[in-house]
């Protein structure tokens, strides 16, 4: 969203009233055409400024564009206060209610640091609960007093609590989340060791949870040891940037989910040893997509046969020196038919640039994988990289079939709306 000096999302109705009088003879188009045009505008860069301008053309354009304008508001420090004043014009819900609140589908407060308060966040959630599908919690202005409002957002499909600075009580969190029957993607908040006190039988999770992301140092090692009761729908697990997680606890959680895990992402776990992830393919035999750091695997990683389709080998921050796994190791695993379904490999470009020999091995790997693609029957298969679903043709066009390089600095934030 542009600076509030340029335009104000909360004053769009006032600005419209001023300009509509001077534009009474505007061009009239069927609402269906306007909605189709605006649906494309919504997905472009700088769409919020464009949508705001569309609201000022005429009453017809206003009625068609304003739902798109508030669907996924781009919130940051300067514009949060007027947005909050628009959605929550009164502390008392029964005195004054904003009709614009019902249009909000995604509420990303992740860029807010010191703006607002916990009570204000709770009020905003209470106003937008009818249509809210995605929520990213702010760093400082979210706490236990927001759980009641959050639990009433029954249409939520994504909840991201990973940015919250303070620790969250586990029992209160789980009681809140169990009410969210449509929740399928959860980014876990940070917990402390003293809060892992529940009996195993008391663990209760959203019944339709599909993806669990444990990131940003969010949980202690004891959490992975004691976690239980995860729903049978869970098929994606990510554990990233958790300084307290050890090799022993990391083995426990995937083993509990071994029969149902299809996607596993592991990265930036400094307490892991260089052999910690060698047996992950044996412990999770149904994996289709796997992301592992190169400094936590050896050549023994490829000893176990697997139905893996896509392998991403990353490099942790600060990891240097020589690495045991090189592109030719993947070639040998393919030649020995240990990875019969492998169709894509992502390798760190920073390592490939260190050696011409690595580059040649990488090119050989690419040829092997593309030969497999040529031999495949025409079909569609899903590939979730940065939460984008592509069919086979799109994957070829985007160079995601075969071997390709991966540069950590280009990794984008995951968004459910592109899932």
Protein backbone atom coordinates (compact mmCIF):
# COMPACT_ATOMS: atom_id res chain seq x y z
CA UNK A 1 0.00 0.00 0.00
CA UNK A 2 1.39 3.44 -0.81
CA UNK A 3 2.02 5.99 1.91
CA UNK A 4 -1.05 7.32 3.64
CA UNK A 5 -0.03 10.74 2.38
CA UNK A 6 -0.87 9.44 -1.12
CA UNK A 7 -4.22 7.99 -0.20
CA UNK A 8 -6.02 6.64 2.81
CA UNK A 9 -7.72 3.28 2.75
CA UNK A 10 -10.18 4.32 5.44
CA UNK A 11 -11.22 7.53 3.63
CA UNK A 12 -12.08 5.90 0.31
CA UNK A 13 -15.81 6.44 0.84
CA UNK A 14 -15.34 10.14 1.65
CA UNK A 15 -13.06 10.64 -1.36
CA UNK A 16 -15.58 8.87 -3.56
CA UNK A 17 -18.41 11.16 -2.47
CA UNK A 18 -16.34 14.21 -3.41
CA UNK A 19 -15.33 12.96 -6.86
CA UNK A 20 -18.53 11.18 -7.84
CA UNK A 21 -20.42 14.48 -8.07
CA UNK A 22 -18.01 15.71 -10.75
CA UNK A 23 -18.16 12.41 -12.64
CA UNK A 24 -21.86 11.81 -12.91
CA UNK A 25 -21.69 10.93 -16.64
CA UNK A 26 -19.23 8.04 -16.30
CA UNK A 27 -19.14 5.05 -18.64
CA UNK A 28 -21.43 2.25 -17.46
CA UNK A 29 -20.43 -1.39 -17.89
CA UNK A 30 -22.13 -4.55 -16.61
CA UNK A 31 -21.05 -5.50 -13.10
CA UNK A 32 -19.86 -8.89 -14.35
CA UNK A 33 -17.30 -7.23 -16.64
CA UNK A 34 -16.05 -4.91 -13.92
CA UNK A 35 -15.66 -7.78 -11.48
CA UNK A 36 -13.72 -9.78 -14.07
CA UNK A 37 -11.37 -6.84 -14.73
CA UNK A 38 -10.86 -6.16 -11.02
CA UNK A 39 -10.08 -9.83 -10.35
CA UNK A 40 -6.99 -9.41 -12.55
CA UNK A 41 -6.06 -6.07 -10.97
CA UNK A 42 -6.08 -7.72 -7.55
CA UNK A 43 -3.15 -9.98 -8.45
CA UNK A 44 -0.85 -7.24 -9.77
CA UNK A 45 1.90 -5.33 -7.98
CA UNK A 46 0.62 -2.13 -6.42
CA UNK A 47 -2.94 -3.41 -6.75
CA UNK A 48 -4.18 -1.67 -3.63
CA UNK A 49 -3.47 1.82 -4.98
CA UNK A 50 -5.12 0.87 -8.29
CA UNK A 51 -8.18 -0.52 -6.53
CA UNK A 52 -8.43 2.63 -4.42
CA UNK A 53 -8.43 4.69 -7.60
CA UNK A 54 -11.11 2.46 -9.11
CA UNK A 55 -13.33 3.17 -6.12
CA UNK A 56 -13.33 6.87 -7.05
CA UNK A 57 -14.63 6.49 -10.63
CA UNK A 58 -18.33 6.07 -9.95
CA UNK A 59 -20.77 4.47 -7.55
CA UNK A 60 -20.85 1.34 -9.67
CA UNK A 61 -17.05 1.05 -9.67
CA UNK A 62 -16.99 1.73 -5.95
CA UNK A 63 -19.43 -1.09 -5.15
CA UNK A 64 -17.44 -3.51 -7.33
CA UNK A 65 -13.91 -2.49 -6.27
CA UNK A 66 -14.21 -1.95 -2.53
CA UNK A 67 -14.49 -5.70 -1.69
CA UNK A 68 -11.22 -6.32 -3.56
CA UNK A 69 -9.61 -3.34 -1.81
CA UNK A 70 -10.27 -4.77 1.65
CA UNK A 71 -9.85 -8.45 0.76
CA UNK A 72 -6.11 -8.55 1.59
CA UNK A 73 -5.12 -5.14 3.05
CA UNK A 74 -1.40 -4.41 2.93
CA UNK A 75 -0.77 -3.20 6.47
CA UNK A 76 2.34 -1.50 7.84
CA UNK A 77 3.18 1.08 10.46
CA UNK A 78 1.77 4.29 9.00
CA UNK A 79 -1.51 2.99 7.64
CA UNK A 80 -2.49 0.62 10.44
CA UNK A 81 -4.14 3.23 12.65
CA UNK A 82 -6.57 4.51 9.97
CA UNK A 83 -7.32 0.93 8.93
CA UNK A 84 -8.12 -0.04 12.52
CA UNK A 85 -10.31 3.05 12.90
CA UNK A 86 -12.24 2.01 9.79
CA UNK A 87 -12.77 -1.61 10.84
CA UNK A 88 -13.37 -0.76 14.52
CA UNK A 89 -15.09 2.66 14.54
CA UNK A 90 -16.33 1.98 18.08
CA UNK A 91 -15.11 -0.08 21.02
CA UNK A 92 -18.69 -1.22 21.56
CA UNK A 93 -19.58 -3.59 18.74
CA UNK A 94 -23.33 -2.96 19.13
CA UNK A 95 -23.08 0.82 18.86
CA UNK A 96 -21.33 1.15 15.50
CA UNK A 97 -20.29 -1.52 13.01
CA UNK A 98 -18.28 -1.10 9.82
CA UNK A 99 -19.73 -2.81 6.71
CA UNK A 100 -16.21 -3.03 5.27
CA UNK A 101 -15.10 -5.58 7.88
CA UNK A 102 -16.99 -8.37 6.15
CA UNK A 103 -14.79 -8.02 3.04
CA UNK A 104 -11.51 -8.88 4.82
CA UNK A 105 -10.28 -12.36 3.87
CA UNK A 106 -6.59 -12.07 4.70
CA UNK A 107 -5.25 -10.12 7.70
CA UNK A 108 -1.45 -9.95 7.62
CA UNK A 109 -0.18 -7.98 10.63
CA UNK A 110 3.32 -9.40 10.39
CA UNK A 111 4.89 -6.04 9.45
CA UNK A 112 3.58 -4.34 12.59
CA UNK A 113 6.01 -4.02 15.47
CA UNK A 114 4.85 -1.51 18.08
CA UNK A 115 1.62 -0.38 16.47
CA UNK A 116 -1.67 -1.18 18.13
CA UNK A 117 -2.28 -3.22 21.25
CA UNK A 118 -3.42 -6.71 22.18
CA UNK A 119 -6.93 -5.49 22.93
CA UNK A 120 -7.10 -3.73 19.54
CA UNK A 121 -5.97 -6.90 17.75
CA UNK A 122 -8.71 -8.82 19.55
CA UNK A 123 -11.32 -6.24 18.51
CA UNK A 124 -10.21 -6.35 14.87
CA UNK A 125 -10.42 -10.15 14.85
CA UNK A 126 -13.88 -9.89 16.36
CA UNK A 127 -15.03 -7.56 13.56
CA UNK A 128 -13.60 -9.54 10.63
CA UNK A 129 -14.37 -13.03 11.96
CA UNK A 130 -17.22 -13.62 9.49
CA UNK A 131 -15.02 -13.93 6.38
CA UNK A 132 -11.42 -14.15 7.61
CA UNK A 133 -9.47 -17.02 6.02
CA UNK A 134 -5.82 -16.08 6.65
CA UNK A 135 -4.25 -14.46 9.71
CA UNK A 136 -0.64 -13.53 10.41
CA UNK A 137 -0.22 -12.34 14.00
CA UNK A 138 1.79 -9.18 14.83
CA UNK A 139 5.02 -9.37 16.78
CA UNK A 140 4.08 -7.54 19.96
CA UNK A 141 0.34 -6.88 19.95
CA UNK A 142 -0.96 -10.44 20.18
CA UNK A 143 -1.48 -12.39 23.38
CA UNK A 144 -3.70 -14.78 25.26
CA UNK A 145 -6.53 -12.23 25.38
CA UNK A 146 -6.80 -12.56 21.58
CA UNK A 147 -7.58 -16.29 21.69
CA UNK A 148 -11.30 -15.86 22.30
CA UNK A 149 -11.72 -13.72 19.19
CA UNK A 150 -9.40 -15.96 17.14
CA UNK A 151 -11.36 -19.10 18.03
CA UNK A 152 -14.52 -17.54 16.57
CA UNK A 153 -12.97 -17.00 13.14
CA UNK A 154 -14.47 -20.25 11.91
CA UNK A 155 -13.39 -19.88 8.25
CA UNK A 156 -9.68 -19.60 8.98
CA UNK A 157 -7.52 -21.82 6.77
CA UNK A 158 -4.10 -20.36 7.67
CA UNK A 159 -2.87 -19.10 11.04
CA UNK A 160 0.70 -17.81 11.37
CA UNK A 161 1.79 -17.18 14.97
CA UNK A 162 5.52 -17.59 14.35
CA UNK A 163 6.38 -13.87 14.64
CA UNK A 164 4.97 -13.40 18.16
CA UNK A 165 7.75 -12.28 20.52
CA UNK A 166 6.36 -13.49 23.85
CA UNK A 167 5.78 -17.14 24.66
CA UNK A 168 2.26 -18.52 24.36
CA UNK A 169 0.68 -20.94 26.89
CA UNK A 170 0.35 -24.27 25.10
CA UNK A 171 -2.90 -25.38 26.75
CA UNK A 172 -4.66 -22.10 25.90
CA UNK A 173 -3.37 -22.25 22.34
CA UNK A 174 -4.61 -25.78 21.71
CA UNK A 175 -8.02 -25.05 23.23
CA UNK A 176 -8.33 -22.11 20.84
CA UNK A 177 -7.20 -24.00 17.74
CA UNK A 178 -9.50 -26.98 18.22
CA UNK A 179 -12.47 -24.73 17.38
CA UNK A 180 -11.04 -23.94 13.93
CA UNK A 181 -12.47 -26.82 11.91
CA UNK A 182 -11.29 -25.41 8.56
CA UNK A 183 -7.71 -24.70 9.65
CA UNK A 184 -5.27 -26.54 7.40
CA UNK A 185 -1.98 -24.60 7.75
CA UNK A 186 -0.48 -23.59 11.10
CA UNK A 187 2.75 -21.73 11.84
CA UNK A 188 3.48 -22.52 15.48
CA UNK A 189 4.41 -19.81 18.02
CA UNK A 190 7.34 -19.92 20.40
CA UNK A 191 6.94 -21.93 23.61
CA UNK A 192 9.08 -22.30 26.73
CA UNK A 193 10.20 -25.57 28.35
CA UNK A 194 8.05 -24.92 31.42
CA UNK A 195 4.89 -24.87 29.32
CA UNK A 196 5.18 -28.44 28.00
CA UNK A 197 3.19 -29.88 30.91
CA UNK A 198 0.12 -31.47 29.34
CA UNK A 199 -0.56 -35.16 29.66
CA UNK A 200 -0.35 -36.90 26.31
CA UNK A 201 -4.09 -37.61 26.29
CA UNK A 202 -4.82 -33.87 26.56
CA UNK A 203 -3.17 -32.90 23.29
CA UNK A 204 -5.86 -31.84 20.86
CA UNK A 205 -5.32 -30.31 17.42
CA UNK A 206 -7.47 -28.83 14.65
CA UNK A 207 -9.12 -31.89 13.09
CA UNK A 208 -8.32 -30.99 9.47
CA UNK A 209 -4.76 -29.68 9.88
CA UNK A 210 -2.62 -30.51 6.82
CA UNK A 211 0.57 -28.50 7.34
CA UNK A 212 2.49 -27.74 10.54
CA UNK A 213 5.35 -25.21 10.37
CA UNK A 214 7.65 -24.97 13.40
CA UNK A 215 9.93 -22.04 12.62
CA UNK A 216 11.93 -19.14 14.09
CA UNK A 217 13.08 -20.99 17.22
CA UNK A 218 9.47 -21.47 18.21
CA UNK A 219 9.58 -24.62 20.32
CA UNK A 220 11.88 -26.31 22.86
CA UNK A 221 13.30 -29.78 22.35
CA UNK A 222 10.78 -31.23 24.83
CA UNK A 223 7.89 -30.28 22.57
CA UNK A 224 8.99 -32.64 19.80
CA UNK A 225 9.49 -35.39 22.40
CA UNK A 226 6.00 -35.08 23.89
CA UNK A 227 3.80 -34.01 20.99
CA UNK A 228 0.93 -36.41 20.29
CA UNK A 229 -2.60 -36.51 18.96
CA UNK A 230 -1.72 -34.97 15.60
CA UNK A 231 -4.58 -35.48 13.12
CA UNK A 232 -4.41 -38.11 10.40
CA UNK A 233 -4.84 -35.34 7.79
CA UNK A 234 -1.38 -33.90 8.55
CA UNK A 235 0.94 -34.66 5.62
CA UNK A 236 3.36 -31.70 5.62
CA UNK A 237 5.87 -30.86 8.36
CA UNK A 238 8.50 -28.11 8.44
CA UNK A 239 11.05 -27.59 11.23
CA UNK A 240 13.26 -24.58 10.55
CA UNK A 241 15.51 -22.20 12.49
CA UNK A 242 14.97 -23.90 15.86
CA UNK A 243 18.14 -23.59 17.94
CA UNK A 244 17.02 -26.01 20.69
CA UNK A 245 16.02 -29.00 18.55
CA UNK A 246 18.35 -32.01 18.84
CA UNK A 247 18.85 -35.05 16.63
CA UNK A 248 17.03 -37.36 19.05
CA UNK A 249 13.87 -35.27 19.26
CA UNK A 250 13.89 -34.62 15.53
CA UNK A 251 13.79 -38.37 14.88
CA UNK A 252 10.83 -38.82 17.23
CA UNK A 253 8.33 -36.56 15.49
CA UNK A 254 8.75 -37.85 11.91
CA UNK A 255 8.58 -41.41 13.25
CA UNK A 256 5.20 -40.65 14.82
CA UNK A 257 3.99 -39.37 11.44
CA UNK A 258 5.91 -41.83 9.28
CA UNK A 259 2.91 -43.35 7.54
CA UNK A 260 1.25 -40.02 6.66
CA UNK A 261 4.06 -37.57 5.91
CA UNK A 262 4.31 -36.61 2.25
CA UNK A 263 6.30 -33.35 2.55
CA UNK A 264 9.15 -32.69 5.00
CA UNK A 265 11.27 -29.53 5.21
CA UNK A 266 14.21 -29.27 7.63
CA UNK A 267 16.71 -26.41 7.78
CA UNK A 268 18.77 -24.21 10.10
CA UNK A 269 18.96 -26.59 13.09
CA UNK A 270 22.42 -25.88 14.56
CA UNK A 271 22.37 -28.73 17.12
CA UNK A 272 22.13 -31.44 14.48
CA UNK A 273 25.21 -33.48 13.63
CA UNK A 274 26.51 -34.09 10.13
CA UNK A 275 24.80 -37.53 10.03
CA UNK A 276 21.51 -36.60 11.75
CA UNK A 277 19.31 -36.89 8.67
CA UNK A 278 20.86 -39.91 6.97
CA UNK A 279 17.98 -42.23 7.90
CA UNK A 280 15.07 -39.91 7.17
CA UNK A 281 14.02 -41.75 3.99
CA UNK A 282 13.72 -45.02 5.92
CA UNK A 283 11.80 -43.43 8.80
CA UNK A 284 9.36 -41.68 6.43
CA UNK A 285 8.81 -44.18 3.61
CA UNK A 286 5.90 -42.29 1.99
CA UNK A 287 7.71 -38.99 1.47
CA UNK A 288 7.19 -37.34 -1.91
CA UNK A 289 8.99 -34.03 -1.32
CA UNK A 290 11.95 -33.48 0.98
CA UNK A 291 14.15 -30.49 1.81
CA UNK A 292 17.30 -31.13 3.87
CA UNK A 293 20.49 -29.15 4.61
CA UNK A 294 23.61 -30.51 2.95
CA UNK A 295 25.63 -30.20 6.17
CA UNK A 296 23.40 -32.78 7.95
CA UNK A 297 23.56 -35.64 5.42
CA UNK A 298 26.27 -37.94 4.08
CA UNK A 299 26.45 -40.42 1.22
CA UNK A 300 24.61 -42.90 3.47
CA UNK A 301 21.51 -40.73 3.01
CA UNK A 302 20.95 -42.44 -0.35
CA UNK A 303 21.28 -46.03 0.95
CA UNK A 304 17.54 -46.42 1.59
CA UNK A 305 15.16 -46.85 -1.37
CA UNK A 306 12.38 -44.26 -1.53
CA UNK A 307 9.45 -43.11 -3.65
CA UNK A 308 10.68 -39.52 -3.32
CA UNK A 309 9.72 -37.29 -6.26
CA UNK A 310 11.43 -33.99 -5.41
CA UNK A 311 14.57 -33.39 -3.38
CA UNK A 312 15.78 -29.97 -2.28
CA UNK A 313 19.28 -29.83 -0.81
CA UNK A 314 19.87 -26.53 0.98
CA UNK A 315 22.80 -25.01 2.82
CA UNK A 316 22.53 -23.58 6.32
CA UNK A 317 23.72 -20.10 7.15
CA UNK A 318 27.33 -20.15 8.24
CA UNK A 319 27.94 -23.67 6.91
CA UNK A 320 31.23 -23.74 5.07
CA UNK A 321 33.99 -26.08 4.06
CA UNK A 322 33.63 -29.29 2.10
CA UNK A 323 30.41 -31.27 1.98
CA UNK A 324 30.24 -35.03 1.53
CA UNK A 325 27.16 -35.10 -0.71
CA UNK A 326 27.80 -33.98 -4.30
CA UNK A 327 25.55 -34.16 -7.40
CA UNK A 328 27.13 -37.44 -8.55
CA UNK A 329 25.77 -39.15 -5.41
CA UNK A 330 22.26 -38.42 -6.62
CA UNK A 331 23.22 -39.80 -10.04
CA UNK A 332 24.42 -43.06 -8.47
CA UNK A 333 21.17 -43.38 -6.48
CA UNK A 334 19.18 -42.94 -9.69
CA UNK A 335 21.33 -45.45 -11.58
CA UNK A 336 20.92 -48.00 -8.76
CA UNK A 337 17.13 -47.47 -8.91
CA UNK A 338 17.00 -46.36 -5.26
CA UNK A 339 14.97 -43.29 -6.26
CA UNK A 340 12.77 -44.58 -9.10
CA UNK A 341 10.24 -41.72 -8.91
CA UNK A 342 12.67 -38.82 -8.54
CA UNK A 343 11.88 -36.10 -11.06
CA UNK A 344 13.40 -32.94 -9.59
CA UNK A 345 16.50 -32.01 -7.58
CA UNK A 346 17.30 -28.56 -6.26
CA UNK A 347 20.94 -27.93 -5.34
CA UNK A 348 22.61 -24.87 -3.73
CA UNK A 349 24.06 -22.68 -6.44
CA UNK A 350 26.69 -21.38 -4.02
CA UNK A 351 28.25 -24.86 -3.86
CA UNK A 352 28.04 -25.54 -7.58
CA UNK A 353 29.94 -22.34 -8.27
CA UNK A 354 32.90 -23.60 -6.23
CA UNK A 355 33.92 -26.34 -8.64
CA UNK A 356 33.73 -26.96 -12.36
CA UNK A 357 33.54 -30.68 -11.57
CA UNK A 358 30.39 -30.11 -9.51
CA UNK A 359 28.88 -28.19 -12.41
CA UNK A 360 29.52 -31.06 -14.82
CA UNK A 361 28.02 -33.55 -12.36
CA UNK A 362 25.04 -31.27 -11.99
CA UNK A 363 24.53 -31.17 -15.76
CA UNK A 364 24.69 -34.98 -15.87
CA UNK A 365 22.04 -35.15 -13.16
CA UNK A 366 19.85 -32.79 -15.12
CA UNK A 367 20.11 -35.02 -18.21
CA UNK A 368 19.16 -38.13 -16.21
CA UNK A 369 16.07 -36.48 -14.78
CA UNK A 370 14.95 -35.07 -18.11
CA UNK A 371 15.31 -38.51 -19.70
CA UNK A 372 12.89 -39.76 -17.08
CA UNK A 373 10.52 -36.95 -17.91
CA UNK A 374 10.63 -37.80 -21.62
CA UNK A 375 9.79 -41.42 -20.79
CA UNK A 376 6.83 -40.50 -18.57
CA UNK A 377 3.27 -40.71 -19.78
CA UNK A 378 1.61 -37.28 -20.15
CA UNK A 379 0.11 -36.57 -16.76
CA UNK A 380 -0.26 -33.93 -14.14
CA UNK A 381 1.49 -34.00 -10.81
CA UNK A 382 1.56 -31.52 -7.97
CA UNK A 383 4.69 -29.72 -6.91
CA UNK A 384 4.63 -27.46 -3.90
CA UNK A 385 7.59 -25.13 -4.05
CA UNK A 386 6.95 -21.84 -2.27
CA UNK A 387 3.35 -23.13 -1.96
CA UNK A 388 2.63 -22.96 -5.69
CA UNK A 389 0.80 -25.84 -7.36
CA UNK A 390 1.93 -26.50 -10.93
CA UNK A 391 1.09 -29.11 -13.50
CA UNK A 392 3.81 -30.91 -15.39
CA UNK A 393 3.82 -28.53 -18.36
CA UNK A 394 4.22 -25.48 -16.12
CA UNK A 395 7.05 -27.18 -14.24
CA UNK A 396 8.97 -27.73 -17.47
CA UNK A 397 8.42 -24.11 -18.52
CA UNK A 398 9.64 -22.85 -15.13
CA UNK A 399 12.67 -25.20 -15.21
CA UNK A 400 11.44 -27.10 -12.16
CA UNK A 401 11.78 -30.50 -13.82
CA UNK A 402 15.26 -31.93 -13.78
CA UNK A 403 18.03 -30.36 -11.75
CA UNK A 404 18.08 -26.67 -10.95
CA UNK A 405 19.93 -24.28 -8.69
CA UNK A 406 18.59 -22.77 -5.53
CA UNK A 407 19.79 -19.51 -4.01
CA UNK A 408 18.71 -19.04 -0.38
CA UNK A 409 18.41 -15.27 -0.69
CA UNK A 410 15.58 -15.69 -3.22
CA UNK A 411 13.35 -17.79 -0.98
CA UNK A 412 9.94 -16.09 -0.71
CA UNK A 413 7.46 -16.06 2.13
CA UNK A 414 4.77 -18.72 1.79
CA UNK A 415 1.22 -17.52 1.15
CA UNK A 416 -1.85 -19.67 1.17
CA UNK A 417 -3.58 -17.65 -1.56
CA UNK A 418 -1.02 -19.04 -4.04
CA UNK A 419 -1.41 -22.61 -2.77
